[in-house]
Amino acid sequence: MVSLVALGLVGGCVTPSIPIPPPEPERMTFTIDVQAGEAQFSYGPEPNYADAVVYVFNRDRGEGIITTARPDGSVGPTERFPAAAGDQVAITFETADSIAGTCVQLNTDGSAGFCN
């Protein structure tokens, strides 16, 4: 009985985390160097992503980078990572409370749309 009461008290101190919204492809920019087969990623300010760990992973090539968002939630331009137009790239923001991600397919103009 005592364990159930203690468990209830501990559980009562845990507050649910508020999920952060997934990154929006419309706010992403990729600078693609066709000759080098590399790209850089940028994302505009988003307060929900302040100081987040950011994972940029090219699913087609099995490689990516890890960086940190600025205090205003913006990112980049990042270090270069292997990429070309048509590649699918997973973008994930991880804060202390939540993780949100989106898969995008790179376009030749540096924009991105959702993966198929």
N, C-alpha and C. Protein backbone atom coordinates (compact mmCIF):
# COMPACT_ATOMS: atom_id res chain seq x y z
N MET A 1 0.83 -1.19 0.00
CA MET A 1 0.00 0.00 0.00
C MET A 1 0.86 1.25 0.00
N VAL A 2 1.94 1.22 0.83
CA VAL A 2 2.83 2.38 0.89
C VAL A 2 3.47 2.64 -0.47
N SER A 3 3.84 1.56 -1.21
CA SER A 3 4.45 1.76 -2.51
C SER A 3 3.50 2.42 -3.49
N LEU A 4 2.23 2.08 -3.42
CA LEU A 4 1.26 2.71 -4.32
C LEU A 4 1.11 4.19 -4.01
N VAL A 5 1.12 4.55 -2.74
CA VAL A 5 1.02 5.95 -2.35
C VAL A 5 2.27 6.70 -2.82
N ALA A 6 3.44 6.12 -2.61
CA ALA A 6 4.69 6.76 -3.03
C ALA A 6 4.72 6.91 -4.55
N LEU A 7 4.27 5.89 -5.27
CA LEU A 7 4.23 5.96 -6.72
C LEU A 7 3.28 7.06 -7.17
N GLY A 8 2.15 7.19 -6.50
CA GLY A 8 1.20 8.25 -6.83
C GLY A 8 1.78 9.63 -6.60
N LEU A 9 2.54 9.79 -5.53
CA LEU A 9 3.16 11.09 -5.24
C LEU A 9 4.23 11.43 -6.27
N VAL A 10 5.04 10.46 -6.63
CA VAL A 10 6.08 10.69 -7.63
C VAL A 10 5.44 11.00 -8.97
N GLY A 11 4.44 10.26 -9.35
CA GLY A 11 3.75 10.48 -10.62
C GLY A 11 3.07 11.83 -10.66
N GLY A 12 2.64 12.33 -9.52
CA GLY A 12 1.98 13.63 -9.47
C GLY A 12 2.94 14.78 -9.72
N CYS A 13 4.24 14.55 -9.57
CA CYS A 13 5.24 15.60 -9.79
C CYS A 13 5.67 15.68 -11.24
N VAL A 14 5.34 14.70 -12.04
CA VAL A 14 5.76 14.69 -13.43
C VAL A 14 4.72 15.46 -14.25
N THR A 15 5.20 16.50 -14.93
CA THR A 15 4.30 17.26 -15.78
C THR A 15 4.45 16.79 -17.21
N PRO A 16 3.37 16.71 -17.93
CA PRO A 16 3.47 16.26 -19.31
C PRO A 16 4.21 17.30 -20.16
N SER A 17 5.00 16.82 -21.11
CA SER A 17 5.69 17.76 -21.98
C SER A 17 4.75 18.24 -23.07
N ILE A 18 4.98 19.43 -23.53
CA ILE A 18 4.18 19.99 -24.61
C ILE A 18 4.94 19.73 -25.90
N PRO A 19 4.32 19.00 -26.82
CA PRO A 19 5.05 18.67 -28.05
C PRO A 19 5.33 19.93 -28.87
N ILE A 20 6.49 19.92 -29.53
CA ILE A 20 6.81 21.02 -30.42
C ILE A 20 6.33 20.67 -31.82
N PRO A 21 6.00 21.68 -32.62
CA PRO A 21 5.50 21.39 -33.97
C PRO A 21 6.63 20.84 -34.85
N PRO A 22 6.29 20.01 -35.83
CA PRO A 22 7.32 19.50 -36.73
C PRO A 22 7.87 20.63 -37.61
N PRO A 23 9.13 20.53 -38.02
CA PRO A 23 9.67 21.56 -38.90
C PRO A 23 8.91 21.59 -40.23
N GLU A 24 8.72 22.79 -40.74
CA GLU A 24 7.94 22.98 -41.97
C GLU A 24 8.86 23.07 -43.18
N PRO A 25 8.63 22.26 -44.21
CA PRO A 25 9.47 22.30 -45.41
C PRO A 25 9.55 23.70 -46.04
N GLU A 26 8.47 24.47 -45.95
CA GLU A 26 8.44 25.79 -46.56
C GLU A 26 9.46 26.74 -45.93
N ARG A 27 9.87 26.44 -44.70
CA ARG A 27 10.81 27.31 -43.99
C ARG A 27 12.25 26.82 -44.11
N MET A 28 12.45 25.71 -44.82
CA MET A 28 13.79 25.14 -45.00
C MET A 28 14.42 25.65 -46.28
N THR A 29 15.72 25.85 -46.21
CA THR A 29 16.49 26.20 -47.40
C THR A 29 17.72 25.30 -47.45
N PHE A 30 17.95 24.75 -48.62
CA PHE A 30 19.14 23.93 -48.86
C PHE A 30 19.95 24.59 -49.96
N THR A 31 21.22 24.80 -49.71
CA THR A 31 22.13 25.29 -50.73
C THR A 31 22.87 24.07 -51.25
N ILE A 32 22.59 23.72 -52.50
CA ILE A 32 23.14 22.49 -53.08
C ILE A 32 24.30 22.83 -54.01
N ASP A 33 25.44 22.21 -53.77
CA ASP A 33 26.59 22.31 -54.66
C ASP A 33 26.59 21.04 -55.51
N VAL A 34 26.08 21.18 -56.74
CA VAL A 34 25.90 20.03 -57.62
C VAL A 34 27.24 19.37 -57.92
N GLN A 35 28.26 20.16 -58.20
CA GLN A 35 29.58 19.61 -58.55
C GLN A 35 30.16 18.78 -57.41
N ALA A 36 30.05 19.28 -56.18
CA ALA A 36 30.63 18.59 -55.02
C ALA A 36 29.72 17.50 -54.48
N GLY A 37 28.43 17.52 -54.85
CA GLY A 37 27.48 16.54 -54.32
C GLY A 37 27.20 16.77 -52.84
N GLU A 38 27.16 18.06 -52.45
CA GLU A 38 26.96 18.43 -51.05
C GLU A 38 25.90 19.50 -50.94
N ALA A 39 25.38 19.66 -49.71
CA ALA A 39 24.39 20.70 -49.45
C ALA A 39 24.61 21.27 -48.05
N GLN A 40 24.01 22.42 -47.82
CA GLN A 40 23.96 23.04 -46.50
C GLN A 40 22.49 23.29 -46.19
N PHE A 41 22.14 23.24 -44.92
CA PHE A 41 20.76 23.40 -44.46
C PHE A 41 20.62 24.69 -43.66
N SER A 42 19.50 25.38 -43.86
CA SER A 42 19.16 26.56 -43.06
C SER A 42 17.68 26.52 -42.70
N TYR A 43 17.35 27.08 -41.53
CA TYR A 43 15.95 27.16 -41.08
C TYR A 43 15.79 28.48 -40.36
N GLY A 44 14.71 29.18 -40.66
CA GLY A 44 14.46 30.48 -40.04
C GLY A 44 14.13 30.38 -38.56
N PRO A 45 14.10 31.51 -37.87
CA PRO A 45 13.81 31.52 -36.43
C PRO A 45 12.48 30.85 -36.08
N GLU A 46 12.51 30.05 -35.04
CA GLU A 46 11.31 29.38 -34.50
C GLU A 46 11.55 29.22 -33.01
N PRO A 47 10.89 30.03 -32.18
CA PRO A 47 11.13 29.99 -30.73
C PRO A 47 11.01 28.60 -30.10
N ASN A 48 10.16 27.74 -30.65
CA ASN A 48 10.02 26.39 -30.10
C ASN A 48 11.29 25.56 -30.23
N TYR A 49 12.18 25.96 -31.15
CA TYR A 49 13.40 25.20 -31.40
C TYR A 49 14.64 25.84 -30.77
N ALA A 50 14.47 26.79 -29.89
CA ALA A 50 15.60 27.48 -29.27
C ALA A 50 16.58 26.49 -28.66
N ASP A 51 17.83 26.59 -29.05
CA ASP A 51 18.93 25.77 -28.53
C ASP A 51 18.74 24.26 -28.74
N ALA A 52 17.89 23.87 -29.66
CA ALA A 52 17.65 22.44 -29.92
C ALA A 52 18.87 21.80 -30.58
N VAL A 53 19.00 20.50 -30.37
CA VAL A 53 19.97 19.72 -31.14
C VAL A 53 19.27 19.40 -32.46
N VAL A 54 19.97 19.63 -33.56
CA VAL A 54 19.37 19.47 -34.89
C VAL A 54 20.12 18.38 -35.65
N TYR A 55 19.36 17.39 -36.11
CA TYR A 55 19.91 16.29 -36.88
C TYR A 55 19.47 16.46 -38.33
N VAL A 56 20.42 16.44 -39.25
CA VAL A 56 20.15 16.53 -40.68
C VAL A 56 20.73 15.25 -41.29
N PHE A 57 19.85 14.33 -41.68
CA PHE A 57 20.30 13.01 -42.11
C PHE A 57 19.77 12.68 -43.50
N ASN A 58 20.69 12.47 -44.43
CA ASN A 58 20.33 12.10 -45.79
C ASN A 58 20.04 10.61 -45.82
N ARG A 59 18.78 10.25 -45.97
CA ARG A 59 18.36 8.85 -45.95
C ARG A 59 18.90 8.07 -47.15
N ASP A 60 19.04 8.74 -48.28
CA ASP A 60 19.51 8.05 -49.48
C ASP A 60 21.00 7.71 -49.41
N ARG A 61 21.77 8.53 -48.72
CA ARG A 61 23.21 8.32 -48.66
C ARG A 61 23.69 7.79 -47.31
N GLY A 62 22.80 7.76 -46.31
CA GLY A 62 23.16 7.22 -45.01
C GLY A 62 24.14 8.08 -44.23
N GLU A 63 24.15 9.38 -44.50
CA GLU A 63 25.08 10.29 -43.83
C GLU A 63 24.37 11.59 -43.49
N GLY A 64 24.92 12.30 -42.53
CA GLY A 64 24.35 13.58 -42.16
C GLY A 64 25.22 14.32 -41.18
N ILE A 65 24.63 15.32 -40.54
CA ILE A 65 25.35 16.15 -39.58
C ILE A 65 24.47 16.40 -38.36
N ILE A 66 25.11 16.83 -37.29
CA ILE A 66 24.40 17.23 -36.08
C ILE A 66 24.90 18.63 -35.74
N THR A 67 23.98 19.53 -35.43
CA THR A 67 24.33 20.89 -35.06
C THR A 67 23.39 21.37 -33.97
N THR A 68 23.51 22.62 -33.59
CA THR A 68 22.65 23.20 -32.55
C THR A 68 21.96 24.44 -33.08
N ALA A 69 20.67 24.56 -32.78
CA ALA A 69 19.92 25.77 -33.16
C ALA A 69 20.37 26.94 -32.28
N ARG A 70 20.24 28.13 -32.82
CA ARG A 70 20.56 29.34 -32.06
C ARG A 70 19.47 29.60 -31.01
N PRO A 71 19.70 30.55 -30.10
CA PRO A 71 18.68 30.87 -29.09
C PRO A 71 17.32 31.28 -29.68
N ASP A 72 17.32 31.80 -30.92
CA ASP A 72 16.03 32.17 -31.54
C ASP A 72 15.42 31.01 -32.32
N GLY A 73 16.09 29.85 -32.30
CA GLY A 73 15.58 28.66 -32.98
C GLY A 73 16.01 28.52 -34.42
N SER A 74 16.76 29.48 -34.95
CA SER A 74 17.21 29.39 -36.33
C SER A 74 18.42 28.46 -36.44
N VAL A 75 18.66 27.99 -37.65
CA VAL A 75 19.75 27.06 -37.90
C VAL A 75 20.46 27.46 -39.18
N GLY A 76 21.77 27.33 -39.19
CA GLY A 76 22.57 27.40 -40.40
C GLY A 76 22.91 28.77 -40.93
N PRO A 77 23.58 28.70 -42.06
CA PRO A 77 23.83 27.50 -42.83
C PRO A 77 24.76 26.54 -42.09
N THR A 78 24.44 25.25 -42.22
CA THR A 78 25.18 24.20 -41.53
C THR A 78 26.48 23.89 -42.28
N GLU A 79 27.24 22.99 -41.69
CA GLU A 79 28.37 22.41 -42.41
C GLU A 79 27.80 21.64 -43.60
N ARG A 80 28.63 21.40 -44.58
CA ARG A 80 28.18 20.65 -45.76
C ARG A 80 27.97 19.17 -45.40
N PHE A 81 27.00 18.57 -46.07
CA PHE A 81 26.75 17.13 -45.92
C PHE A 81 26.43 16.57 -47.30
N PRO A 82 26.66 15.28 -47.54
CA PRO A 82 26.40 14.69 -48.85
C PRO A 82 24.93 14.81 -49.22
N ALA A 83 24.66 15.38 -50.40
CA ALA A 83 23.26 15.52 -50.84
C ALA A 83 23.21 15.97 -52.29
N ALA A 84 22.09 15.66 -52.92
CA ALA A 84 21.80 16.08 -54.28
C ALA A 84 20.29 16.25 -54.41
N ALA A 85 19.88 16.97 -55.44
CA ALA A 85 18.45 17.13 -55.70
C ALA A 85 17.82 15.75 -55.84
N GLY A 86 16.66 15.58 -55.23
CA GLY A 86 15.95 14.30 -55.26
C GLY A 86 16.18 13.45 -54.03
N ASP A 87 17.25 13.74 -53.27
CA ASP A 87 17.53 12.98 -52.05
C ASP A 87 16.48 13.27 -50.97
N GLN A 88 16.22 12.27 -50.14
CA GLN A 88 15.32 12.43 -49.00
C GLN A 88 16.16 12.68 -47.75
N VAL A 89 15.83 13.78 -47.06
CA VAL A 89 16.60 14.20 -45.89
C VAL A 89 15.66 14.32 -44.69
N ALA A 90 16.01 13.67 -43.59
CA ALA A 90 15.24 13.76 -42.35
C ALA A 90 15.82 14.91 -41.52
N ILE A 91 14.96 15.83 -41.13
CA ILE A 91 15.34 16.97 -40.30
C ILE A 91 14.64 16.79 -38.95
N THR A 92 15.43 16.73 -37.87
CA THR A 92 14.88 16.50 -36.54
C THR A 92 15.40 17.54 -35.56
N PHE A 93 14.49 18.14 -34.81
CA PHE A 93 14.83 19.08 -33.75
C PHE A 93 14.54 18.40 -32.41
N GLU A 94 15.53 18.38 -31.53
CA GLU A 94 15.38 17.76 -30.22
C GLU A 94 15.63 18.81 -29.13
N THR A 95 14.59 19.09 -28.34
CA THR A 95 14.73 19.99 -27.20
C THR A 95 14.79 19.14 -25.93
N ALA A 96 14.92 19.78 -24.79
CA ALA A 96 14.97 19.05 -23.52
C ALA A 96 13.68 18.29 -23.27
N ASP A 97 12.57 18.75 -23.83
CA ASP A 97 11.26 18.17 -23.56
C ASP A 97 10.64 17.37 -24.71
N SER A 98 11.13 17.57 -25.93
CA SER A 98 10.41 17.00 -27.05
C SER A 98 11.31 16.80 -28.27
N ILE A 99 10.85 15.97 -29.18
CA ILE A 99 11.53 15.74 -30.46
C ILE A 99 10.49 15.87 -31.56
N ALA A 100 10.86 16.60 -32.63
CA ALA A 100 9.96 16.73 -33.77
C ALA A 100 10.80 16.64 -35.04
N GLY A 101 10.27 15.92 -36.02
CA GLY A 101 11.02 15.77 -37.26
C GLY A 101 10.14 15.69 -38.47
N THR A 102 10.77 15.91 -39.62
CA THR A 102 10.09 15.86 -40.90
C THR A 102 11.05 15.30 -41.93
N CYS A 103 10.54 14.50 -42.84
CA CYS A 103 11.34 14.03 -43.97
C CYS A 103 10.99 14.89 -45.17
N VAL A 104 12.03 15.40 -45.85
CA VAL A 104 11.80 16.23 -47.03
C VAL A 104 12.61 15.69 -48.20
N GLN A 105 12.14 15.99 -49.40
CA GLN A 105 12.87 15.65 -50.61
C GLN A 105 13.41 16.94 -51.20
N LEU A 106 14.71 16.96 -51.47
CA LEU A 106 15.36 18.17 -51.96
C LEU A 106 14.99 18.45 -53.42
N ASN A 107 14.76 19.73 -53.70
CA ASN A 107 14.48 20.17 -55.07
C ASN A 107 15.72 20.87 -55.62
N THR A 108 15.81 20.98 -56.92
CA THR A 108 16.99 21.60 -57.56
C THR A 108 17.14 23.07 -57.20
N ASP A 109 16.05 23.74 -56.84
CA ASP A 109 16.13 25.18 -56.52
C ASP A 109 16.46 25.44 -55.04
N GLY A 110 16.75 24.40 -54.26
CA GLY A 110 17.09 24.57 -52.85
C GLY A 110 15.91 24.49 -51.91
N SER A 111 14.71 24.36 -52.46
CA SER A 111 13.53 24.19 -51.62
C SER A 111 13.35 22.71 -51.34
N ALA A 112 12.34 22.38 -50.55
CA ALA A 112 12.10 20.98 -50.21
C ALA A 112 10.59 20.76 -50.03
N GLY A 113 10.17 19.56 -50.34
CA GLY A 113 8.78 19.15 -50.12
C GLY A 113 8.77 17.87 -49.31
N PHE A 114 7.62 17.52 -48.77
CA PHE A 114 7.53 16.30 -47.98
C PHE A 114 7.96 15.08 -48.78
N CYS A 115 8.56 14.11 -48.09
CA CYS A 115 8.94 12.85 -48.74
C CYS A 115 7.69 12.14 -49.22
N ASN A 116 7.87 11.37 -50.26
CA ASN A 116 6.73 10.61 -50.82
C ASN A 116 6.37 9.46 -49.93
